[in-house]
Amino acid sequence: MGEPELISESVEKCFVCGAEKMEIKNYIHDAGLVGKVLLSVWSCSSCGYRSVDVKPWETRTPVTLQFRIESVEDLNVLVYRSPMGEVSIPELGLEIEPGTNSQGNITTVEGILEEVLEFFPEDKVEEVMKAKEGKIPFTLVIRDPTGSSFIKSERVKVIS
């Protein structure tokens, strides 16, 4: 894994402030387990707007990953969800589908629960909190048509 390779760059009109100072750079980077990714960096020298997006460059075989969380230690397992990855936790009735501006995300199982807490209906928050504290077992499922997502555990079931 070396340095990212610059594949294109341009200066465009900033969609935030309107100045012709939005610099857009696209790189290809070998991200190891994730494979090659496209890094897009947008920055405006006029208003200071900055955005970085990561998307898979290579398409792999679609995959479904299942990981059973049974202990507090399992909450610390590393998870990468690609921009196309769909996350669900059937026991909690949780489904997260990627949107048109979805970005890849590296976090932990606990981090996923933390992220969804703010969007969960009030009557379900208690269940999510119990899961986040390791008090109830549950299954994390990621369906990824690009095959780029992963859950870093030997106990993950991979269904292609």
C-alpha atoms as a PDB file:
ATOM      1  CA  MET A   1       0.000   0.000   0.000  1.00  0.00           C
ATOM      2  CA  GLY A   2       1.713   3.119  -1.251  1.00  0.00           C
ATOM      3  CA  GLU A   3       0.650   6.693  -1.635  1.00  0.00           C
ATOM      4  CA  PRO A   4      -2.670   7.481  -3.380  1.00  0.00           C
ATOM      5  CA  GLU A   5      -2.282   8.015  -7.139  1.00  0.00           C
ATOM      6  CA  LEU A   6      -3.731  11.279  -8.493  1.00  0.00           C
ATOM      7  CA  ILE A   7      -5.897  10.443 -11.529  1.00  0.00           C
ATOM      8  CA  SER A   8      -7.640  13.778 -12.172  1.00  0.00           C
ATOM      9  CA  GLU A   9      -7.869  17.324 -10.909  1.00  0.00           C
ATOM     10  CA  SER A  10      -9.873  20.388 -11.872  1.00  0.00           C
ATOM     11  CA  VAL A  11     -11.075  23.749 -10.590  1.00  0.00           C
ATOM     12  CA  GLU A  12     -14.823  24.338 -10.692  1.00  0.00           C
ATOM     13  CA  LYS A  13     -17.434  26.761  -9.426  1.00  0.00           C
ATOM     14  CA  CYS A  14     -18.057  26.220  -5.696  1.00  0.00           C
ATOM     15  CA  PHE A  15     -21.641  25.154  -5.076  1.00  0.00           C
ATOM     16  CA  VAL A  16     -21.470  26.748  -1.595  1.00  0.00           C
ATOM     17  CA  CYS A  17     -20.117  30.263  -2.256  1.00  0.00           C
ATOM     18  CA  GLY A  18     -20.180  30.461  -6.073  1.00  0.00           C
ATOM     19  CA  ALA A  19     -16.479  31.341  -6.474  1.00  0.00           C
ATOM     20  CA  GLU A  20     -14.480  29.619  -9.216  1.00  0.00           C
ATOM     21  CA  LYS A  21     -12.148  28.186  -6.563  1.00  0.00           C
ATOM     22  CA  MET A  22     -13.439  24.666  -5.875  1.00  0.00           C
ATOM     23  CA  GLU A  23     -10.467  22.366  -6.371  1.00  0.00           C
ATOM     24  CA  ILE A  24     -11.456  18.752  -7.077  1.00  0.00           C
ATOM     25  CA  LYS A  25      -8.859  15.989  -6.912  1.00  0.00           C
ATOM     26  CA  ASN A  26      -9.513  12.289  -7.486  1.00  0.00           C
ATOM     27  CA  TYR A  27      -7.110   9.611  -6.344  1.00  0.00           C
ATOM     28  CA  ILE A  28      -6.929   5.814  -6.555  1.00  0.00           C
ATOM     29  CA  HIS A  29      -5.624   4.133  -3.397  1.00  0.00           C
ATOM     30  CA  ASP A  30      -5.022   0.500  -2.498  1.00  0.00           C
ATOM     31  CA  ALA A  31      -6.739   0.248   0.904  1.00  0.00           C
ATOM     32  CA  GLY A  32      -5.685  -3.302   1.728  1.00  0.00           C
ATOM     33  CA  LEU A  33      -8.636  -5.443   2.832  1.00  0.00           C
ATOM     34  CA  VAL A  34     -11.088  -3.007   1.266  1.00  0.00           C
ATOM     35  CA  GLY A  35      -9.330  -3.135  -2.132  1.00  0.00           C
ATOM     36  CA  LYS A  36      -8.792  -0.162  -4.405  1.00  0.00           C
ATOM     37  CA  VAL A  37     -10.862   2.909  -3.563  1.00  0.00           C
ATOM     38  CA  LEU A  38     -11.580   6.215  -5.275  1.00  0.00           C
ATOM     39  CA  LEU A  39     -10.807   9.165  -2.993  1.00  0.00           C
ATOM     40  CA  SER A  40     -12.454  12.431  -4.047  1.00  0.00           C
ATOM     41  CA  VAL A  41     -11.297  15.596  -2.288  1.00  0.00           C
ATOM     42  CA  TRP A  42     -13.263  18.817  -2.789  1.00  0.00           C
ATOM     43  CA  SER A  43     -11.935  22.063  -1.282  1.00  0.00           C
ATOM     44  CA  CYS A  44     -12.764  25.716  -1.862  1.00  0.00           C
ATOM     45  CA  SER A  45     -10.024  28.241  -1.121  1.00  0.00           C
ATOM     46  CA  SER A  46     -12.636  31.030  -1.035  1.00  0.00           C
ATOM     47  CA  CYS A  47     -15.141  29.830   1.618  1.00  0.00           C
ATOM     48  CA  GLY A  48     -13.174  26.958   3.188  1.00  0.00           C
ATOM     49  CA  TYR A  49     -15.670  24.229   2.247  1.00  0.00           C
ATOM     50  CA  ARG A  50     -14.047  20.777   2.278  1.00  0.00           C
ATOM     51  CA  SER A  51     -15.372  17.309   1.607  1.00  0.00           C
ATOM     52  CA  VAL A  52     -13.752  13.904   1.226  1.00  0.00           C
ATOM     53  CA  ASP A  53     -15.584  10.929  -0.244  1.00  0.00           C
ATOM     54  CA  VAL A  54     -14.430   7.317  -0.480  1.00  0.00           C
ATOM     55  CA  LYS A  55     -16.025   4.855  -2.893  1.00  0.00           C
ATOM     56  CA  PRO A  56     -14.963   1.391  -4.043  1.00  0.00           C
ATOM     57  CA  TRP A  57     -12.975   1.431  -7.281  1.00  0.00           C
ATOM     58  CA  GLU A  58     -13.192  -2.295  -7.885  1.00  0.00           C
ATOM     59  CA  THR A  59     -16.361  -4.308  -7.969  1.00  0.00           C
ATOM     60  CA  ARG A  60     -16.123  -7.637  -6.227  1.00  0.00           C
ATOM     61  CA  THR A  61     -18.602 -10.462  -5.812  1.00  0.00           C
ATOM     62  CA  PRO A  62     -21.709  -9.303  -3.924  1.00  0.00           C
ATOM     63  CA  VAL A  63     -21.607 -10.460  -0.331  1.00  0.00           C
ATOM     64  CA  THR A  64     -23.776 -10.773   2.757  1.00  0.00           C
ATOM     65  CA  LEU A  65     -21.964 -10.758   6.101  1.00  0.00           C
ATOM     66  CA  GLN A  66     -23.523 -11.998   9.348  1.00  0.00           C
ATOM     67  CA  PHE A  67     -21.951 -11.503  12.752  1.00  0.00           C
ATOM     68  CA  ARG A  68     -23.579 -12.633  16.008  1.00  0.00           C
ATOM     69  CA  ILE A  69     -22.805 -10.252  18.888  1.00  0.00           C
ATOM     70  CA  GLU A  70     -22.814 -12.243  22.123  1.00  0.00           C
ATOM     71  CA  SER A  71     -20.495 -10.315  24.458  1.00  0.00           C
ATOM     72  CA  VAL A  72     -19.288  -6.828  25.304  1.00  0.00           C
ATOM     73  CA  GLU A  73     -15.991  -7.649  23.529  1.00  0.00           C
ATOM     74  CA  ASP A  74     -17.890  -8.242  20.275  1.00  0.00           C
ATOM     75  CA  LEU A  75     -19.009  -4.600  20.352  1.00  0.00           C
ATOM     76  CA  ASN A  76     -15.383  -3.558  19.691  1.00  0.00           C
ATOM     77  CA  VAL A  77     -15.079  -5.524  16.437  1.00  0.00           C
ATOM     78  CA  LEU A  78     -14.025  -3.341  13.493  1.00  0.00           C
ATOM     79  CA  VAL A  79     -16.589  -2.873  10.702  1.00  0.00           C
ATOM     80  CA  TYR A  80     -16.212  -1.310   7.260  1.00  0.00           C
ATOM     81  CA  ARG A  81     -19.461  -0.576   5.438  1.00  0.00           C
ATOM     82  CA  SER A  82     -18.924   0.470   1.841  1.00  0.00           C
ATOM     83  CA  PRO A  83     -21.038   3.314   0.394  1.00  0.00           C
ATOM     84  CA  MET A  84     -23.280   0.653  -1.159  1.00  0.00           C
ATOM     85  CA  GLY A  85     -23.553  -1.515   1.970  1.00  0.00           C
ATOM     86  CA  GLU A  86     -26.941  -2.067   3.593  1.00  0.00           C
ATOM     87  CA  VAL A  87     -26.907  -2.696   7.370  1.00  0.00           C
ATOM     88  CA  SER A  88     -29.556  -4.497   9.378  1.00  0.00           C
ATOM     89  CA  ILE A  89     -30.034  -5.840  12.886  1.00  0.00           C
ATOM     90  CA  PRO A  90     -33.139  -8.041  12.638  1.00  0.00           C
ATOM     91  CA  GLU A  91     -33.631  -8.404  16.401  1.00  0.00           C
ATOM     92  CA  LEU A  92     -33.961  -4.618  16.747  1.00  0.00           C
ATOM     93  CA  GLY A  93     -35.933  -4.051  13.543  1.00  0.00           C
ATOM     94  CA  LEU A  94     -33.066  -1.901  12.274  1.00  0.00           C
ATOM     95  CA  GLU A  95     -32.385  -1.374   8.577  1.00  0.00           C
ATOM     96  CA  ILE A  96     -30.038   1.233   7.129  1.00  0.00           C
ATOM     97  CA  GLU A  97     -30.080   1.576   3.363  1.00  0.00           C
ATOM     98  CA  PRO A  98     -27.448   3.649   1.580  1.00  0.00           C
ATOM     99  CA  GLY A  99     -28.606   6.948   0.124  1.00  0.00           C
ATOM    100  CA  THR A 100     -27.438   8.667  -3.036  1.00  0.00           C
ATOM    101  CA  ASN A 101     -24.739  10.551  -1.096  1.00  0.00           C
ATOM    102  CA  SER A 102     -23.770   7.614   1.103  1.00  0.00           C
ATOM    103  CA  GLN A 103     -20.108   7.358   2.070  1.00  0.00           C
ATOM    104  CA  GLY A 104     -18.071   4.432   3.298  1.00  0.00           C
ATOM    105  CA  ASN A 105     -17.678   4.165   7.048  1.00  0.00           C
ATOM    106  CA  ILE A 106     -15.091   2.506   9.281  1.00  0.00           C
ATOM    107  CA  THR A 107     -16.344   2.044  12.831  1.00  0.00           C
ATOM    108  CA  THR A 108     -17.079  -0.661  15.400  1.00  0.00           C
ATOM    109  CA  VAL A 109     -20.255  -2.617  16.104  1.00  0.00           C
ATOM    110  CA  GLU A 110     -20.859  -0.261  19.046  1.00  0.00           C
ATOM    111  CA  GLY A 111     -20.253   2.711  16.727  1.00  0.00           C
ATOM    112  CA  ILE A 112     -23.035   1.516  14.423  1.00  0.00           C
ATOM    113  CA  LEU A 113     -25.429   1.320  17.382  1.00  0.00           C
ATOM    114  CA  GLU A 114     -24.341   4.789  18.520  1.00  0.00           C
ATOM    115  CA  GLU A 115     -25.001   6.235  15.054  1.00  0.00           C
ATOM    116  CA  VAL A 116     -28.532   4.830  14.839  1.00  0.00           C
ATOM    117  CA  LEU A 117     -29.605   5.941  18.319  1.00  0.00           C
ATOM    118  CA  GLU A 118     -30.470   9.459  17.174  1.00  0.00           C
ATOM    119  CA  PHE A 119     -32.758   8.142  14.415  1.00  0.00           C
ATOM    120  CA  PHE A 120     -34.503   5.397  16.367  1.00  0.00           C
ATOM    121  CA  PRO A 121     -38.109   5.805  17.539  1.00  0.00           C
ATOM    122  CA  GLU A 122     -38.312   6.652  21.246  1.00  0.00           C
ATOM    123  CA  ASP A 123     -39.998   3.350  22.109  1.00  0.00           C
ATOM    124  CA  LYS A 124     -37.036   1.367  20.671  1.00  0.00           C
ATOM    125  CA  VAL A 125     -34.150   3.343  22.243  1.00  0.00           C
ATOM    126  CA  GLU A 126     -34.124   1.181  25.387  1.00  0.00           C
ATOM    127  CA  GLU A 127     -33.532  -1.970  23.290  1.00  0.00           C
ATOM    128  CA  VAL A 128     -30.673  -0.322  21.383  1.00  0.00           C
ATOM    129  CA  MET A 129     -29.109   0.840  24.671  1.00  0.00           C
ATOM    130  CA  LYS A 130     -29.270  -2.726  26.051  1.00  0.00           C
ATOM    131  CA  ALA A 131     -27.569  -4.012  22.879  1.00  0.00           C
ATOM    132  CA  LYS A 132     -24.951  -1.242  23.119  1.00  0.00           C
ATOM    133  CA  GLU A 133     -24.190  -2.283  26.708  1.00  0.00           C
ATOM    134  CA  GLY A 134     -23.825  -5.953  25.690  1.00  0.00           C
ATOM    135  CA  LYS A 135     -26.928  -6.991  27.656  1.00  0.00           C
ATOM    136  CA  ILE A 136     -28.765  -8.589  24.733  1.00  0.00           C
ATOM    137  CA  PRO A 137     -27.340 -10.656  21.867  1.00  0.00           C
ATOM    138  CA  PHE A 138     -28.077  -9.614  18.285  1.00  0.00           C
ATOM    139  CA  THR A 139     -26.968 -10.206  14.695  1.00  0.00           C
ATOM    140  CA  LEU A 140     -25.295  -7.558  12.543  1.00  0.00           C
ATOM    141  CA  VAL A 141     -25.964  -8.142   8.832  1.00  0.00           C
ATOM    142  CA  ILE A 142     -24.306  -6.236   5.979  1.00  0.00           C
ATOM    143  CA  ARG A 143     -25.455  -6.795   2.392  1.00  0.00           C
ATOM    144  CA  ASP A 144     -23.025  -5.274  -0.096  1.00  0.00           C
ATOM    145  CA  PRO A 145     -23.428  -5.540  -3.877  1.00  0.00           C
ATOM    146  CA  THR A 146     -19.802  -4.385  -4.326  1.00  0.00           C
ATOM    147  CA  GLY A 147     -18.386  -7.016  -1.950  1.00  0.00           C
ATOM    148  CA  SER A 148     -16.150  -4.371  -0.326  1.00  0.00           C
ATOM    149  CA  SER A 149     -17.593  -4.305   3.201  1.00  0.00           C
ATOM    150  CA  PHE A 150     -16.070  -6.381   5.973  1.00  0.00           C
ATOM    151  CA  ILE A 151     -16.455  -7.268   9.649  1.00  0.00           C
ATOM    152  CA  LYS A 152     -13.075  -8.088  11.178  1.00  0.00           C
ATOM    153  CA  SER A 153     -13.810 -11.260  13.123  1.00  0.00           C
ATOM    154  CA  GLU A 154     -13.119 -14.950  12.581  1.00  0.00           C
ATOM    155  CA  ARG A 155     -16.763 -15.663  13.506  1.00  0.00           C
ATOM    156  CA  VAL A 156     -18.268 -13.772  10.566  1.00  0.00           C
ATOM    157  CA  LYS A 157     -20.425 -15.856   8.246  1.00  0.00           C
ATOM    158  CA  VAL A 158     -19.889 -14.871   4.627  1.00  0.00           C
ATOM    159  CA  ILE A 159     -22.721 -15.631   2.220  1.00  0.00           C
ATOM    160  CA  SER A 160     -21.894 -14.887  -1.429  1.00  0.00           C
END
